[in-house]
Amino acid sequence: MAKPISIVRKRVLTEEERQQQSLDQLTADLADNGPALQKTLEIVRELHDSGLLEAAQSMLKAKESIAKIAVGQATRKPVTNIINNLMGAAGMLSEVDPELMNKLTSSVTSGLSEAEEHLQQNKKTRLRDLMKAMNDPDVNRAMGFGIHFLKGMGKGLSNK
């Protein structure tokens, strides 16, 4: 009968054998991913030729300085005001009915077109023209909208 195995010897690779295994694995990976590596090399070549690769490398080297500048610029009062105003505007727009907003923007566009036509005529507007315009249903509708808009805005501005 055979002797039972009592000692298991683990084979320890030498540094050269480990390097050879790594090279073999790398060679296999290169063979498996040839087209992708070619595309990557083309992209890197284009970045190098255009100077963008050098710019990116310089930015990476100076990342701490760039981060300090970016944070310094972002914390300036005008930038924080812009951010706060954008957040406020986004909050306001989220409360407005989208259909009403579409109707309002198309009405503003139509009004701007009519106003530009009037400017092209270079015609003077008289007081009598204003009185006649009040009887125009479109003008009357816009005036009513404006008056009620101002009324609602005034209510919102009150200290009550």
N, C-alpha and C. Protein backbone atom coordinates (compact mmCIF):
# COMPACT_ATOMS: atom_id res chain seq x y z
N MET A 1 0.83 -1.17 0.00
CA MET A 1 0.00 0.00 0.00
C MET A 1 0.88 1.24 0.00
N ALA A 2 0.35 2.31 -0.60
CA ALA A 2 1.12 3.54 -0.70
C ALA A 2 1.09 4.30 0.61
N LYS A 3 2.13 5.08 0.77
CA LYS A 3 2.23 5.90 1.97
C LYS A 3 1.28 7.10 1.85
N PRO A 4 0.54 7.43 2.91
CA PRO A 4 -0.34 8.61 2.83
C PRO A 4 0.49 9.90 2.75
N ILE A 5 -0.08 10.90 2.04
CA ILE A 5 0.60 12.19 1.92
C ILE A 5 0.41 12.93 3.22
N SER A 6 1.50 13.28 3.83
CA SER A 6 1.41 13.97 5.11
C SER A 6 1.88 15.42 5.01
N ILE A 7 2.62 15.75 3.97
CA ILE A 7 3.14 17.10 3.82
C ILE A 7 2.74 17.60 2.43
N VAL A 8 2.13 18.78 2.41
CA VAL A 8 1.79 19.40 1.14
C VAL A 8 2.76 20.55 0.94
N ARG A 9 3.50 20.45 -0.12
CA ARG A 9 4.48 21.49 -0.39
C ARG A 9 3.89 22.49 -1.37
N LYS A 10 3.89 23.73 -0.94
CA LYS A 10 3.40 24.80 -1.80
C LYS A 10 4.56 25.33 -2.60
N ARG A 11 4.35 25.39 -3.91
CA ARG A 11 5.42 25.86 -4.78
C ARG A 11 5.46 27.38 -4.73
N VAL A 12 6.57 27.92 -4.36
CA VAL A 12 6.76 29.36 -4.30
C VAL A 12 7.44 29.79 -5.59
N LEU A 13 6.78 30.75 -6.29
CA LEU A 13 7.32 31.23 -7.55
C LEU A 13 8.43 32.23 -7.30
N THR A 14 9.43 32.15 -8.14
CA THR A 14 10.49 33.15 -8.06
C THR A 14 10.00 34.44 -8.71
N GLU A 15 10.76 35.48 -8.51
CA GLU A 15 10.40 36.79 -9.07
C GLU A 15 10.34 36.71 -10.60
N GLU A 16 11.26 36.01 -11.20
CA GLU A 16 11.28 35.87 -12.66
C GLU A 16 10.06 35.11 -13.15
N GLU A 17 9.65 34.09 -12.42
CA GLU A 17 8.47 33.31 -12.82
C GLU A 17 7.19 34.14 -12.70
N ARG A 18 7.12 34.96 -11.66
CA ARG A 18 5.96 35.85 -11.49
C ARG A 18 5.91 36.87 -12.62
N GLN A 19 7.05 37.42 -12.98
CA GLN A 19 7.10 38.39 -14.07
C GLN A 19 6.70 37.72 -15.39
N GLN A 20 7.17 36.49 -15.60
CA GLN A 20 6.83 35.77 -16.83
C GLN A 20 5.34 35.48 -16.89
N GLN A 21 4.74 35.11 -15.74
CA GLN A 21 3.29 34.88 -15.71
C GLN A 21 2.54 36.18 -16.03
N SER A 22 3.00 37.30 -15.47
CA SER A 22 2.36 38.59 -15.74
C SER A 22 2.47 38.94 -17.21
N LEU A 23 3.64 38.71 -17.81
CA LEU A 23 3.82 38.99 -19.24
C LEU A 23 2.93 38.10 -20.10
N ASP A 24 2.83 36.84 -19.71
CA ASP A 24 1.96 35.91 -20.46
C ASP A 24 0.50 36.37 -20.39
N GLN A 25 0.07 36.77 -19.20
CA GLN A 25 -1.31 37.25 -19.02
C GLN A 25 -1.55 38.52 -19.82
N LEU A 26 -0.58 39.43 -19.80
CA LEU A 26 -0.69 40.68 -20.56
C LEU A 26 -0.75 40.41 -22.05
N THR A 27 0.06 39.48 -22.54
CA THR A 27 0.06 39.11 -23.95
C THR A 27 -1.30 38.54 -24.35
N ALA A 28 -1.87 37.71 -23.49
CA ALA A 28 -3.20 37.14 -23.78
C ALA A 28 -4.27 38.23 -23.81
N ASP A 29 -4.19 39.17 -22.87
CA ASP A 29 -5.14 40.28 -22.85
C ASP A 29 -5.01 41.15 -24.09
N LEU A 30 -3.78 41.41 -24.52
CA LEU A 30 -3.55 42.20 -25.74
C LEU A 30 -4.15 41.50 -26.95
N ALA A 31 -3.97 40.20 -27.03
CA ALA A 31 -4.50 39.44 -28.17
C ALA A 31 -6.02 39.45 -28.17
N ASP A 32 -6.64 39.35 -26.98
CA ASP A 32 -8.10 39.32 -26.89
C ASP A 32 -8.74 40.68 -27.18
N ASN A 33 -8.03 41.77 -26.88
CA ASN A 33 -8.62 43.11 -27.00
C ASN A 33 -7.91 43.98 -28.03
N GLY A 34 -7.42 43.39 -29.07
CA GLY A 34 -6.66 44.13 -30.09
C GLY A 34 -7.39 45.31 -30.69
N PRO A 35 -8.61 45.14 -31.22
CA PRO A 35 -9.30 46.28 -31.84
C PRO A 35 -9.58 47.42 -30.86
N ALA A 36 -9.97 47.08 -29.64
CA ALA A 36 -10.24 48.12 -28.65
C ALA A 36 -8.97 48.89 -28.31
N LEU A 37 -7.86 48.19 -28.20
CA LEU A 37 -6.59 48.85 -27.89
C LEU A 37 -6.16 49.75 -29.05
N GLN A 38 -6.40 49.31 -30.28
CA GLN A 38 -6.06 50.15 -31.44
C GLN A 38 -6.86 51.45 -31.40
N LYS A 39 -8.15 51.36 -31.10
CA LYS A 39 -8.99 52.56 -31.01
C LYS A 39 -8.49 53.48 -29.89
N THR A 40 -8.14 52.89 -28.76
CA THR A 40 -7.63 53.67 -27.64
C THR A 40 -6.36 54.39 -28.02
N LEU A 41 -5.47 53.71 -28.71
CA LEU A 41 -4.21 54.33 -29.15
C LEU A 41 -4.48 55.46 -30.14
N GLU A 42 -5.47 55.28 -31.03
CA GLU A 42 -5.82 56.35 -31.97
C GLU A 42 -6.32 57.58 -31.23
N ILE A 43 -7.16 57.36 -30.23
CA ILE A 43 -7.70 58.48 -29.45
C ILE A 43 -6.57 59.21 -28.73
N VAL A 44 -5.69 58.46 -28.10
CA VAL A 44 -4.56 59.05 -27.38
C VAL A 44 -3.66 59.82 -28.35
N ARG A 45 -3.44 59.27 -29.55
CA ARG A 45 -2.62 59.93 -30.57
C ARG A 45 -3.26 61.27 -30.98
N GLU A 46 -4.58 61.27 -31.20
CA GLU A 46 -5.29 62.50 -31.57
C GLU A 46 -5.22 63.53 -30.44
N LEU A 47 -5.39 63.08 -29.21
CA LEU A 47 -5.28 63.99 -28.06
C LEU A 47 -3.88 64.59 -27.98
N HIS A 48 -2.87 63.77 -28.23
CA HIS A 48 -1.49 64.25 -28.18
C HIS A 48 -1.24 65.25 -29.31
N ASP A 49 -1.68 64.91 -30.52
CA ASP A 49 -1.44 65.80 -31.67
C ASP A 49 -2.13 67.14 -31.50
N SER A 50 -3.31 67.15 -30.87
CA SER A 50 -4.04 68.42 -30.69
C SER A 50 -3.56 69.21 -29.48
N GLY A 51 -2.72 68.62 -28.64
CA GLY A 51 -2.21 69.32 -27.46
C GLY A 51 -3.08 69.15 -26.24
N LEU A 52 -4.23 68.47 -26.40
CA LEU A 52 -5.13 68.29 -25.26
C LEU A 52 -4.57 67.33 -24.22
N LEU A 53 -3.81 66.38 -24.66
CA LEU A 53 -3.23 65.42 -23.72
C LEU A 53 -2.26 66.13 -22.77
N GLU A 54 -1.44 67.01 -23.31
CA GLU A 54 -0.50 67.78 -22.48
C GLU A 54 -1.25 68.70 -21.53
N ALA A 55 -2.34 69.32 -22.03
CA ALA A 55 -3.14 70.20 -21.18
C ALA A 55 -3.77 69.42 -20.03
N ALA A 56 -4.30 68.24 -20.34
CA ALA A 56 -4.91 67.41 -19.30
C ALA A 56 -3.86 66.97 -18.27
N GLN A 57 -2.68 66.63 -18.75
CA GLN A 57 -1.61 66.22 -17.84
C GLN A 57 -1.21 67.38 -16.93
N SER A 58 -1.10 68.58 -17.50
CA SER A 58 -0.75 69.75 -16.69
C SER A 58 -1.84 70.04 -15.66
N MET A 59 -3.11 69.87 -16.07
CA MET A 59 -4.20 70.10 -15.12
C MET A 59 -4.17 69.08 -13.99
N LEU A 60 -3.84 67.84 -14.30
CA LEU A 60 -3.76 66.83 -13.25
C LEU A 60 -2.63 67.13 -12.28
N LYS A 61 -1.51 67.63 -12.80
CA LYS A 61 -0.40 67.98 -11.92
C LYS A 61 -0.75 69.15 -11.02
N ALA A 62 -1.57 70.07 -11.53
CA ALA A 62 -1.92 71.27 -10.77
C ALA A 62 -3.31 71.17 -10.16
N LYS A 63 -3.79 69.94 -9.91
CA LYS A 63 -5.17 69.75 -9.45
C LYS A 63 -5.49 70.47 -8.15
N GLU A 64 -4.54 70.52 -7.22
CA GLU A 64 -4.81 71.20 -5.95
C GLU A 64 -4.98 72.70 -6.15
N SER A 65 -4.14 73.29 -6.97
CA SER A 65 -4.24 74.73 -7.24
C SER A 65 -5.54 75.03 -7.96
N ILE A 66 -5.89 74.20 -8.93
CA ILE A 66 -7.13 74.41 -9.68
C ILE A 66 -8.33 74.27 -8.76
N ALA A 67 -8.31 73.29 -7.87
CA ALA A 67 -9.42 73.09 -6.93
C ALA A 67 -9.57 74.30 -6.02
N LYS A 68 -8.45 74.85 -5.54
CA LYS A 68 -8.52 76.04 -4.67
C LYS A 68 -9.13 77.22 -5.42
N ILE A 69 -8.72 77.40 -6.67
CA ILE A 69 -9.26 78.50 -7.47
C ILE A 69 -10.75 78.30 -7.72
N ALA A 70 -11.14 77.06 -8.08
CA ALA A 70 -12.55 76.77 -8.36
C ALA A 70 -13.42 77.01 -7.13
N VAL A 71 -12.95 76.54 -5.98
CA VAL A 71 -13.71 76.74 -4.74
C VAL A 71 -13.77 78.23 -4.41
N GLY A 72 -12.67 78.93 -4.59
CA GLY A 72 -12.66 80.37 -4.33
C GLY A 72 -13.63 81.11 -5.22
N GLN A 73 -13.69 80.74 -6.50
CA GLN A 73 -14.62 81.40 -7.42
C GLN A 73 -16.06 81.04 -7.10
N ALA A 74 -16.30 79.78 -6.73
CA ALA A 74 -17.67 79.33 -6.47
C ALA A 74 -18.25 79.94 -5.21
N THR A 75 -17.40 80.37 -4.27
CA THR A 75 -17.91 80.93 -3.02
C THR A 75 -18.01 82.45 -3.06
N ARG A 76 -17.73 83.06 -4.20
CA ARG A 76 -17.88 84.51 -4.32
C ARG A 76 -19.35 84.87 -4.24
N LYS A 77 -19.64 86.06 -3.73
CA LYS A 77 -21.02 86.51 -3.53
C LYS A 77 -21.85 86.48 -4.82
N PRO A 78 -21.34 86.98 -5.97
CA PRO A 78 -22.17 86.92 -7.18
C PRO A 78 -22.53 85.50 -7.59
N VAL A 79 -21.61 84.56 -7.42
CA VAL A 79 -21.88 83.17 -7.82
C VAL A 79 -22.92 82.55 -6.89
N THR A 80 -22.80 82.79 -5.59
CA THR A 80 -23.80 82.25 -4.66
C THR A 80 -25.15 82.90 -4.92
N ASN A 81 -25.17 84.19 -5.31
CA ASN A 81 -26.44 84.84 -5.66
C ASN A 81 -27.07 84.16 -6.87
N ILE A 82 -26.26 83.86 -7.88
CA ILE A 82 -26.78 83.20 -9.07
C ILE A 82 -27.37 81.84 -8.70
N ILE A 83 -26.65 81.08 -7.89
CA ILE A 83 -27.14 79.76 -7.49
C ILE A 83 -28.45 79.88 -6.72
N ASN A 84 -28.50 80.82 -5.78
CA ASN A 84 -29.73 81.01 -5.01
C ASN A 84 -30.89 81.46 -5.90
N ASN A 85 -30.60 82.35 -6.85
CA ASN A 85 -31.66 82.81 -7.77
C ASN A 85 -32.15 81.68 -8.66
N LEU A 86 -31.23 80.86 -9.15
CA LEU A 86 -31.64 79.72 -9.97
C LEU A 86 -32.50 78.74 -9.17
N MET A 87 -32.14 78.52 -7.92
CA MET A 87 -32.93 77.62 -7.09
C MET A 87 -34.32 78.21 -6.84
N GLY A 88 -34.38 79.52 -6.60
CA GLY A 88 -35.67 80.18 -6.41
C GLY A 88 -36.52 80.14 -7.67
N ALA A 89 -35.90 80.39 -8.82
CA ALA A 89 -36.63 80.34 -10.09
C ALA A 89 -37.13 78.92 -10.37
N ALA A 90 -36.29 77.93 -10.08
CA ALA A 90 -36.71 76.54 -10.29
C ALA A 90 -37.89 76.20 -9.38
N GLY A 91 -37.85 76.68 -8.16
CA GLY A 91 -38.95 76.45 -7.23
C GLY A 91 -40.23 77.11 -7.73
N MET A 92 -40.11 78.33 -8.25
CA MET A 92 -41.28 79.03 -8.77
C MET A 92 -41.84 78.29 -9.99
N LEU A 93 -40.95 77.89 -10.90
CA LEU A 93 -41.40 77.21 -12.11
C LEU A 93 -42.04 75.86 -11.80
N SER A 94 -41.59 75.22 -10.73
CA SER A 94 -42.19 73.93 -10.39
C SER A 94 -43.62 74.08 -9.88
N GLU A 95 -44.00 75.28 -9.43
CA GLU A 95 -45.35 75.51 -8.93
C GLU A 95 -46.30 75.96 -10.03
N VAL A 96 -45.78 76.40 -11.19
CA VAL A 96 -46.62 76.89 -12.28
C VAL A 96 -47.08 75.72 -13.13
N ASP A 97 -48.35 75.75 -13.50
CA ASP A 97 -48.91 74.72 -14.38
C ASP A 97 -48.22 74.77 -15.73
N PRO A 98 -47.69 73.64 -16.22
CA PRO A 98 -46.96 73.64 -17.50
C PRO A 98 -47.80 74.14 -18.68
N GLU A 99 -49.09 73.82 -18.71
CA GLU A 99 -49.94 74.30 -19.80
C GLU A 99 -50.05 75.82 -19.78
N LEU A 100 -50.20 76.39 -18.58
CA LEU A 100 -50.27 77.85 -18.46
C LEU A 100 -48.95 78.48 -18.89
N MET A 101 -47.84 77.85 -18.52
CA MET A 101 -46.52 78.39 -18.90
C MET A 101 -46.35 78.34 -20.42
N ASN A 102 -46.77 77.25 -21.06
CA ASN A 102 -46.68 77.16 -22.52
C ASN A 102 -47.54 78.23 -23.18
N LYS A 103 -48.75 78.43 -22.66
CA LYS A 103 -49.65 79.43 -23.21
C LYS A 103 -49.05 80.82 -23.04
N LEU A 104 -48.48 81.08 -21.87
CA LEU A 104 -47.89 82.39 -21.59
C LEU A 104 -46.69 82.66 -22.49
N THR A 105 -45.80 81.67 -22.66
CA THR A 105 -44.62 81.89 -23.50
C THR A 105 -45.00 82.07 -24.97
N SER A 106 -45.99 81.32 -25.44
CA SER A 106 -46.41 81.51 -26.83
C SER A 106 -47.09 82.86 -27.00
N SER A 107 -47.81 83.33 -25.98
CA SER A 107 -48.43 84.65 -26.03
C SER A 107 -47.39 85.75 -26.05
N VAL A 108 -46.33 85.58 -25.27
CA VAL A 108 -45.25 86.58 -25.26
C VAL A 108 -44.57 86.63 -26.62
N THR A 109 -44.35 85.47 -27.22
CA THR A 109 -43.74 85.41 -28.55
C THR A 109 -44.62 86.11 -29.58
N SER A 110 -45.91 85.85 -29.52
CA SER A 110 -46.85 86.49 -30.44
C SER A 110 -46.86 88.00 -30.22
N GLY A 111 -46.85 88.42 -28.96
CA GLY A 111 -46.83 89.85 -28.64
C GLY A 111 -45.57 90.53 -29.15
N LEU A 112 -44.45 89.86 -29.03
CA LEU A 112 -43.19 90.43 -29.52
C LEU A 112 -43.22 90.59 -31.04
N SER A 113 -43.84 89.64 -31.73
CA SER A 113 -43.95 89.74 -33.19
C SER A 113 -44.81 90.95 -33.58
N GLU A 114 -45.95 91.11 -32.91
CA GLU A 114 -46.82 92.27 -33.18
C GLU A 114 -46.10 93.58 -32.87
N ALA A 115 -45.36 93.60 -31.76
CA ALA A 115 -44.64 94.82 -31.38
C ALA A 115 -43.58 95.16 -32.42
N GLU A 116 -42.89 94.15 -32.94
CA GLU A 116 -41.88 94.41 -33.96
C GLU A 116 -42.51 94.94 -35.24
N GLU A 117 -43.67 94.39 -35.60
CA GLU A 117 -44.38 94.92 -36.78
C GLU A 117 -44.71 96.39 -36.59
N HIS A 118 -45.16 96.76 -35.39
CA HIS A 118 -45.48 98.16 -35.10
C HIS A 118 -44.24 99.04 -35.21
N LEU A 119 -43.10 98.53 -34.73
CA LEU A 119 -41.87 99.31 -34.83
C LEU A 119 -41.46 99.53 -36.28
N GLN A 120 -41.73 98.55 -37.13
CA GLN A 120 -41.38 98.68 -38.55
C GLN A 120 -42.21 99.76 -39.22
N GLN A 121 -43.44 99.97 -38.75
CA GLN A 121 -44.32 100.98 -39.35
C GLN A 121 -43.88 102.39 -39.00
N ASN A 122 -43.20 102.54 -37.87
CA ASN A 122 -42.73 103.85 -37.42
C ASN A 122 -43.89 104.85 -37.33
N LYS A 123 -45.01 104.37 -36.78
CA LYS A 123 -46.23 105.17 -36.67
C LYS A 123 -46.38 105.65 -35.23
N LYS A 124 -46.76 106.92 -35.06
CA LYS A 124 -46.94 107.50 -33.73
C LYS A 124 -48.27 107.03 -33.13
N THR A 125 -48.24 106.66 -31.83
CA THR A 125 -49.45 106.24 -31.14
C THR A 125 -50.02 107.44 -30.40
N ARG A 126 -51.30 107.73 -30.67
CA ARG A 126 -51.98 108.88 -30.05
C ARG A 126 -52.91 108.39 -28.95
N LEU A 127 -53.39 109.32 -28.15
CA LEU A 127 -54.30 109.01 -27.05
C LEU A 127 -55.58 108.36 -27.58
N ARG A 128 -56.08 108.85 -28.71
CA ARG A 128 -57.29 108.28 -29.31
C ARG A 128 -57.05 106.82 -29.70
N ASP A 129 -55.82 106.50 -30.18
CA ASP A 129 -55.48 105.11 -30.52
C ASP A 129 -55.53 104.22 -29.28
N LEU A 130 -55.09 104.75 -28.14
CA LEU A 130 -55.14 103.98 -26.89
C LEU A 130 -56.58 103.72 -26.47
N MET A 131 -57.43 104.71 -26.62
CA MET A 131 -58.85 104.54 -26.25
C MET A 131 -59.51 103.49 -27.16
N LYS A 132 -59.20 103.54 -28.44
CA LYS A 132 -59.76 102.56 -29.36
C LYS A 132 -59.22 101.16 -29.06
N ALA A 133 -57.97 101.09 -28.65
CA ALA A 133 -57.35 99.79 -28.35
C ALA A 133 -58.02 99.13 -27.16
N MET A 134 -58.55 99.92 -26.24
CA MET A 134 -59.23 99.36 -25.07
C MET A 134 -60.47 98.55 -25.47
N ASN A 135 -61.07 98.87 -26.62
CA ASN A 135 -62.24 98.14 -27.09
C ASN A 135 -61.86 96.86 -27.84
N ASP A 136 -60.60 96.74 -28.20
CA ASP A 136 -60.11 95.53 -28.88
C ASP A 136 -60.11 94.38 -27.86
N PRO A 137 -60.78 93.25 -28.16
CA PRO A 137 -60.85 92.16 -27.18
C PRO A 137 -59.48 91.58 -26.80
N ASP A 138 -58.55 91.53 -27.75
CA ASP A 138 -57.22 91.00 -27.44
C ASP A 138 -56.47 91.92 -26.48
N VAL A 139 -56.54 93.21 -26.74
CA VAL A 139 -55.87 94.18 -25.86
C VAL A 139 -56.53 94.17 -24.49
N ASN A 140 -57.86 94.11 -24.48
CA ASN A 140 -58.59 94.11 -23.22
C ASN A 140 -58.24 92.87 -22.40
N ARG A 141 -58.11 91.72 -23.07
CA ARG A 141 -57.74 90.48 -22.37
C ARG A 141 -56.35 90.62 -21.76
N ALA A 142 -55.39 91.17 -22.52
CA ALA A 142 -54.03 91.33 -22.01
C ALA A 142 -54.00 92.34 -20.87
N MET A 143 -54.77 93.42 -21.00
CA MET A 143 -54.81 94.42 -19.92
C MET A 143 -55.39 93.81 -18.64
N GLY A 144 -56.48 93.04 -18.78
CA GLY A 144 -57.07 92.39 -17.62
C GLY A 144 -56.10 91.41 -16.98
N PHE A 145 -55.40 90.66 -17.81
CA PHE A 145 -54.39 89.73 -17.30
C PHE A 145 -53.32 90.49 -16.54
N GLY A 146 -52.83 91.58 -17.12
CA GLY A 146 -51.79 92.37 -16.47
C GLY A 146 -52.25 92.98 -15.17
N ILE A 147 -53.46 93.51 -15.16
CA ILE A 147 -53.99 94.13 -13.93
C ILE A 147 -54.13 93.09 -12.83
N HIS A 148 -54.68 91.93 -13.16
CA HIS A 148 -54.85 90.89 -12.14
C HIS A 148 -53.51 90.27 -11.72
N PHE A 149 -52.58 90.23 -12.65
CA PHE A 149 -51.23 89.77 -12.30
C PHE A 149 -50.62 90.73 -11.29
N LEU A 150 -50.74 92.03 -11.55
CA LEU A 150 -50.19 93.02 -10.63
C LEU A 150 -50.89 92.98 -9.28
N LYS A 151 -52.20 92.74 -9.29
CA LYS A 151 -52.95 92.65 -8.04
C LYS A 151 -52.44 91.46 -7.21
N GLY A 152 -52.31 90.31 -7.85
CA GLY A 152 -51.80 89.12 -7.13
C GLY A 152 -50.38 89.32 -6.65
N MET A 153 -49.56 89.98 -7.46
CA MET A 153 -48.19 90.23 -7.05
C MET A 153 -48.15 91.18 -5.86
N GLY A 154 -49.04 92.18 -5.86
CA GLY A 154 -49.13 93.10 -4.73
C GLY A 154 -49.54 92.40 -3.46
N LYS A 155 -50.48 91.47 -3.58
CA LYS A 155 -50.88 90.69 -2.40
C LYS A 155 -49.70 89.89 -1.86
N GLY A 156 -48.92 89.34 -2.77
CA GLY A 156 -47.75 88.56 -2.36
C GLY A 156 -46.68 89.42 -1.70
N LEU A 157 -46.61 90.67 -2.11
CA LEU A 157 -45.60 91.58 -1.55
C LEU A 157 -46.03 92.22 -0.24
N SER A 158 -47.31 92.11 0.12
CA SER A 158 -47.78 92.77 1.35
C SER A 158 -47.13 92.12 2.57
N ASN A 159 -47.05 92.86 3.63
CA ASN A 159 -46.40 92.39 4.87
C ASN A 159 -47.32 91.55 5.73
N LYS A 160 -48.56 91.37 5.32
CA LYS A 160 -49.52 90.63 6.14
C LYS A 160 -49.21 89.17 6.20
